[in-house]
N, C-alpha and C. Protein backbone atom coordinates (compact mmCIF):
# COMPACT_ATOMS: atom_id res chain seq x y z
N MET A 1 22.19 171.63 93.23
CA MET A 1 23.47 171.01 93.50
C MET A 1 23.43 169.51 93.26
N ALA A 2 22.33 168.87 93.63
CA ALA A 2 22.25 167.41 93.53
C ALA A 2 22.48 166.89 92.11
N PRO A 3 21.92 167.52 91.04
CA PRO A 3 22.17 166.97 89.70
C PRO A 3 23.63 167.08 89.25
N THR A 4 24.37 168.02 89.78
CA THR A 4 25.77 168.18 89.35
C THR A 4 26.74 167.30 90.13
N ARG A 5 26.31 166.73 91.23
CA ARG A 5 27.21 165.93 92.06
C ARG A 5 27.86 164.78 91.30
N PRO A 6 27.10 163.98 90.52
CA PRO A 6 27.77 162.90 89.78
C PRO A 6 28.82 163.41 88.80
N LEU A 7 28.57 164.56 88.20
CA LEU A 7 29.55 165.12 87.27
C LEU A 7 30.83 165.54 87.99
N VAL A 8 30.66 166.14 89.16
CA VAL A 8 31.82 166.57 89.94
C VAL A 8 32.61 165.36 90.40
N LEU A 9 31.93 164.34 90.91
CA LEU A 9 32.63 163.14 91.38
C LEU A 9 33.34 162.43 90.25
N THR A 10 32.70 162.34 89.10
CA THR A 10 33.33 161.70 87.94
C THR A 10 34.54 162.49 87.49
N GLY A 11 34.40 163.80 87.42
CA GLY A 11 35.52 164.64 87.00
C GLY A 11 36.70 164.54 87.95
N SER A 12 36.42 164.53 89.25
CA SER A 12 37.53 164.43 90.20
C SER A 12 38.19 163.06 90.14
N ALA A 13 37.41 162.01 89.92
CA ALA A 13 37.98 160.67 89.80
C ALA A 13 38.87 160.57 88.57
N VAL A 14 38.43 161.14 87.46
CA VAL A 14 39.23 161.12 86.23
C VAL A 14 40.53 161.88 86.44
N CYS A 15 40.46 163.04 87.07
CA CYS A 15 41.67 163.83 87.31
C CYS A 15 42.65 163.09 88.21
N CYS A 16 42.13 162.48 89.27
CA CYS A 16 43.01 161.76 90.20
C CYS A 16 43.66 160.56 89.54
N ARG A 17 42.90 159.80 88.78
CA ARG A 17 43.46 158.61 88.11
C ARG A 17 44.48 159.02 87.04
N THR A 18 44.20 160.11 86.33
CA THR A 18 45.12 160.58 85.30
C THR A 18 46.43 161.04 85.94
N ALA A 19 46.34 161.77 87.03
CA ALA A 19 47.55 162.22 87.72
C ALA A 19 48.33 161.02 88.26
N ALA A 20 47.63 160.03 88.77
CA ALA A 20 48.31 158.85 89.29
C ALA A 20 49.04 158.11 88.19
N ARG A 21 48.41 157.97 87.05
CA ARG A 21 49.05 157.26 85.93
C ARG A 21 50.29 158.01 85.45
N ALA A 22 50.29 159.33 85.59
CA ALA A 22 51.45 160.11 85.16
C ALA A 22 52.60 160.01 86.15
N VAL A 23 52.31 159.73 87.40
CA VAL A 23 53.33 159.76 88.44
C VAL A 23 53.80 158.37 88.85
N VAL A 24 52.88 157.44 88.97
CA VAL A 24 53.21 156.11 89.49
C VAL A 24 53.83 155.26 88.38
N PRO A 25 54.95 154.62 88.64
CA PRO A 25 55.57 153.75 87.63
C PRO A 25 54.64 152.60 87.25
N ASP A 26 54.76 152.14 86.00
CA ASP A 26 53.87 151.10 85.49
C ASP A 26 53.91 149.83 86.34
N GLU A 27 55.08 149.47 86.84
CA GLU A 27 55.18 148.23 87.61
C GLU A 27 54.55 148.36 89.01
N MET A 28 54.22 149.58 89.44
CA MET A 28 53.63 149.79 90.75
C MET A 28 52.16 150.20 90.70
N ILE A 29 51.58 150.33 89.51
CA ILE A 29 50.22 150.85 89.40
C ILE A 29 49.19 149.93 90.05
N GLY A 30 49.40 148.63 90.00
CA GLY A 30 48.48 147.70 90.64
C GLY A 30 48.48 147.85 92.15
N ARG A 31 49.65 147.98 92.72
CA ARG A 31 49.75 148.17 94.17
C ARG A 31 49.16 149.52 94.57
N TYR A 32 49.45 150.55 93.78
CA TYR A 32 48.89 151.87 94.06
C TYR A 32 47.36 151.82 94.03
N SER A 33 46.81 151.17 93.02
CA SER A 33 45.35 151.09 92.91
C SER A 33 44.74 150.36 94.09
N GLY A 34 45.38 149.29 94.52
CA GLY A 34 44.89 148.53 95.67
C GLY A 34 44.89 149.36 96.95
N VAL A 35 45.97 150.05 97.21
CA VAL A 35 46.06 150.88 98.41
C VAL A 35 45.09 152.06 98.31
N SER A 36 44.97 152.62 97.12
CA SER A 36 44.06 153.75 96.93
C SER A 36 42.61 153.35 97.20
N ARG A 37 42.20 152.23 96.66
CA ARG A 37 40.83 151.77 96.88
C ARG A 37 40.59 151.37 98.34
N LEU A 38 41.57 150.70 98.94
CA LEU A 38 41.42 150.31 100.34
C LEU A 38 41.29 151.53 101.23
N SER A 39 42.11 152.54 100.99
CA SER A 39 42.05 153.72 101.85
C SER A 39 40.79 154.53 101.61
N SER A 40 40.35 154.65 100.36
CA SER A 40 39.15 155.45 100.10
C SER A 40 37.88 154.72 100.53
N TRP A 41 37.71 153.49 100.11
CA TRP A 41 36.51 152.74 100.49
C TRP A 41 36.54 152.30 101.94
N GLY A 42 37.71 152.05 102.49
CA GLY A 42 37.82 151.63 103.87
C GLY A 42 37.59 152.77 104.85
N SER A 43 37.87 154.00 104.43
CA SER A 43 37.68 155.13 105.33
C SER A 43 36.22 155.57 105.41
N MET A 44 35.41 155.20 104.44
CA MET A 44 34.00 155.62 104.46
C MET A 44 33.24 155.09 105.67
N PRO A 45 33.30 153.79 105.99
CA PRO A 45 32.60 153.33 107.19
C PRO A 45 33.16 153.93 108.48
N LEU A 46 34.47 154.15 108.51
CA LEU A 46 35.06 154.77 109.70
C LEU A 46 34.57 156.20 109.87
N GLY A 47 34.50 156.94 108.78
CA GLY A 47 33.98 158.30 108.84
C GLY A 47 32.52 158.34 109.22
N ALA A 48 31.74 157.40 108.70
CA ALA A 48 30.31 157.33 109.05
C ALA A 48 30.13 157.02 110.53
N ALA A 49 30.93 156.11 111.06
CA ALA A 49 30.84 155.77 112.47
C ALA A 49 31.25 156.96 113.35
N ALA A 50 32.31 157.64 112.95
CA ALA A 50 32.75 158.81 113.71
C ALA A 50 31.70 159.92 113.66
N ALA A 51 31.11 160.14 112.49
CA ALA A 51 30.08 161.17 112.35
C ALA A 51 28.85 160.82 113.18
N GLY A 52 28.46 159.55 113.20
CA GLY A 52 27.32 159.13 114.01
C GLY A 52 27.58 159.31 115.49
N ALA A 53 28.77 158.94 115.92
CA ALA A 53 29.11 159.11 117.34
C ALA A 53 29.15 160.58 117.72
N LEU A 54 29.71 161.40 116.82
CA LEU A 54 29.78 162.84 117.09
C LEU A 54 28.40 163.48 117.09
N ALA A 55 27.51 162.99 116.23
CA ALA A 55 26.15 163.53 116.17
C ALA A 55 25.36 163.23 117.44
N GLU A 56 25.76 162.21 118.17
CA GLU A 56 25.10 161.92 119.45
C GLU A 56 25.38 163.01 120.47
N PHE A 57 26.53 163.65 120.38
CA PHE A 57 26.92 164.66 121.36
C PHE A 57 26.64 166.09 120.90
N ILE A 58 26.74 166.34 119.61
CA ILE A 58 26.42 167.66 119.06
C ILE A 58 25.38 167.47 117.98
N SER A 59 24.93 168.53 117.38
CA SER A 59 23.87 168.42 116.37
C SER A 59 24.41 167.87 115.06
N VAL A 60 23.49 167.35 114.25
CA VAL A 60 23.87 166.81 112.94
C VAL A 60 24.42 167.93 112.07
N ARG A 61 23.82 169.10 112.16
CA ARG A 61 24.31 170.25 111.39
C ARG A 61 25.77 170.56 111.73
N ALA A 62 26.11 170.47 112.99
CA ALA A 62 27.49 170.73 113.41
C ALA A 62 28.44 169.68 112.85
N VAL A 63 27.96 168.45 112.74
CA VAL A 63 28.80 167.39 112.17
C VAL A 63 29.14 167.71 110.72
N PHE A 64 28.16 168.22 109.97
CA PHE A 64 28.43 168.61 108.59
C PHE A 64 29.41 169.78 108.51
N TRP A 65 29.29 170.71 109.44
CA TRP A 65 30.24 171.82 109.48
C TRP A 65 31.65 171.32 109.80
N VAL A 66 31.74 170.40 110.72
CA VAL A 66 33.05 169.83 111.07
C VAL A 66 33.65 169.09 109.86
N GLY A 67 32.81 168.28 109.18
CA GLY A 67 33.29 167.56 108.00
C GLY A 67 33.71 168.49 106.88
N GLY A 68 32.93 169.54 106.65
CA GLY A 68 33.29 170.51 105.62
C GLY A 68 34.57 171.26 105.94
N THR A 69 34.73 171.61 107.20
CA THR A 69 35.94 172.30 107.64
C THR A 69 37.17 171.40 107.50
N MET A 70 37.01 170.14 107.87
CA MET A 70 38.13 169.20 107.73
C MET A 70 38.49 168.99 106.26
N THR A 71 37.49 168.91 105.40
CA THR A 71 37.74 168.75 103.97
C THR A 71 38.47 169.97 103.42
N ALA A 72 38.01 171.16 103.76
CA ALA A 72 38.66 172.38 103.30
C ALA A 72 40.10 172.46 103.81
N ALA A 73 40.32 172.07 105.06
CA ALA A 73 41.67 172.09 105.62
C ALA A 73 42.58 171.10 104.88
N LEU A 74 42.05 169.95 104.53
CA LEU A 74 42.84 168.96 103.80
C LEU A 74 43.21 169.46 102.41
N VAL A 75 42.26 170.08 101.74
CA VAL A 75 42.54 170.65 100.41
C VAL A 75 43.61 171.72 100.52
N MET A 76 43.50 172.58 101.51
CA MET A 76 44.50 173.63 101.70
C MET A 76 45.88 173.03 102.00
N LEU A 77 45.92 171.98 102.80
CA LEU A 77 47.19 171.33 103.12
C LEU A 77 47.83 170.74 101.87
N VAL A 78 47.04 170.08 101.04
CA VAL A 78 47.57 169.51 99.81
C VAL A 78 48.08 170.61 98.88
N LEU A 79 47.30 171.66 98.72
CA LEU A 79 47.74 172.75 97.85
C LEU A 79 48.97 173.46 98.40
N TRP A 80 49.12 173.49 99.70
CA TRP A 80 50.27 174.13 100.31
C TRP A 80 51.52 173.28 100.17
N THR A 81 51.38 171.97 100.26
CA THR A 81 52.56 171.10 100.22
C THR A 81 53.01 170.77 98.81
N VAL A 82 52.08 170.74 97.87
CA VAL A 82 52.44 170.43 96.48
C VAL A 82 52.63 171.76 95.75
N SER A 83 53.85 172.04 95.37
CA SER A 83 54.15 173.31 94.74
C SER A 83 53.85 173.28 93.25
N SER A 84 53.84 174.45 92.66
CA SER A 84 53.62 174.52 91.22
C SER A 84 54.76 173.85 90.46
N HIS A 85 55.95 173.83 91.05
CA HIS A 85 57.08 173.11 90.43
C HIS A 85 56.76 171.63 90.33
N ASP A 86 56.15 171.06 91.37
CA ASP A 86 55.76 169.65 91.34
C ASP A 86 54.75 169.39 90.23
N PHE A 87 53.79 170.30 90.07
CA PHE A 87 52.79 170.13 89.02
C PHE A 87 53.44 170.21 87.63
N ARG A 88 54.40 171.12 87.46
CA ARG A 88 55.09 171.22 86.17
C ARG A 88 55.90 169.96 85.89
N GLU A 89 56.51 169.40 86.93
CA GLU A 89 57.27 168.16 86.76
C GLU A 89 56.36 167.00 86.37
N ILE A 90 55.21 166.91 87.00
CA ILE A 90 54.23 165.86 86.67
C ILE A 90 53.76 166.03 85.23
N GLU A 91 53.47 167.26 84.84
CA GLU A 91 53.02 167.52 83.48
C GLU A 91 54.09 167.16 82.46
N ALA A 92 55.35 167.50 82.75
CA ALA A 92 56.44 167.16 81.84
C ALA A 92 56.61 165.65 81.73
N ARG A 93 56.49 164.95 82.83
CA ARG A 93 56.60 163.49 82.84
C ARG A 93 55.47 162.87 82.03
N ALA A 94 54.28 163.42 82.17
CA ALA A 94 53.13 162.90 81.44
C ALA A 94 53.30 163.15 79.94
N GLU A 95 53.81 164.30 79.57
CA GLU A 95 54.05 164.60 78.15
C GLU A 95 55.10 163.67 77.58
N THR A 96 56.13 163.38 78.35
CA THR A 96 57.18 162.49 77.89
C THR A 96 56.66 161.07 77.68
N SER A 97 55.82 160.61 78.60
CA SER A 97 55.29 159.26 78.45
C SER A 97 54.21 159.17 77.37
N ALA A 98 53.52 160.28 77.12
CA ALA A 98 52.48 160.28 76.07
C ALA A 98 53.10 160.36 74.68
N HIS A 99 54.23 161.04 74.57
CA HIS A 99 54.90 161.21 73.28
C HIS A 99 56.36 160.79 73.38
N PRO A 100 56.62 159.48 73.45
CA PRO A 100 58.03 159.04 73.58
C PRO A 100 58.82 159.38 72.31
N ALA A 101 60.09 159.54 72.50
CA ALA A 101 60.97 159.86 71.36
C ALA A 101 60.97 158.69 70.38
N THR A 102 60.87 159.01 69.11
CA THR A 102 60.81 157.96 68.09
C THR A 102 62.19 157.54 67.61
N ALA A 103 63.19 158.33 67.88
CA ALA A 103 64.53 157.99 67.38
C ALA A 103 65.41 157.48 68.47
């Protein structure tokens, strides 16, 4: 698993940035990027502190189970709230911006 982790992380970052570029208006992309980086990089120390505090009361293995369960729940929530219609709309918007009308 360890050798594939960088590939998975790179692939997910590329997918997220591509989706963001398709959805976020050009004049807002700088603000979006700033908030995105602040929330992702800023949440890492908070999560580490919470995991450390939780590991003091329960086992480290249980902390990983809790983190994995929370991650799976978040993925399910996102997939539940974003419908296939939303994905089709994003794809259509991306196609329109990639191939603007020439006439």
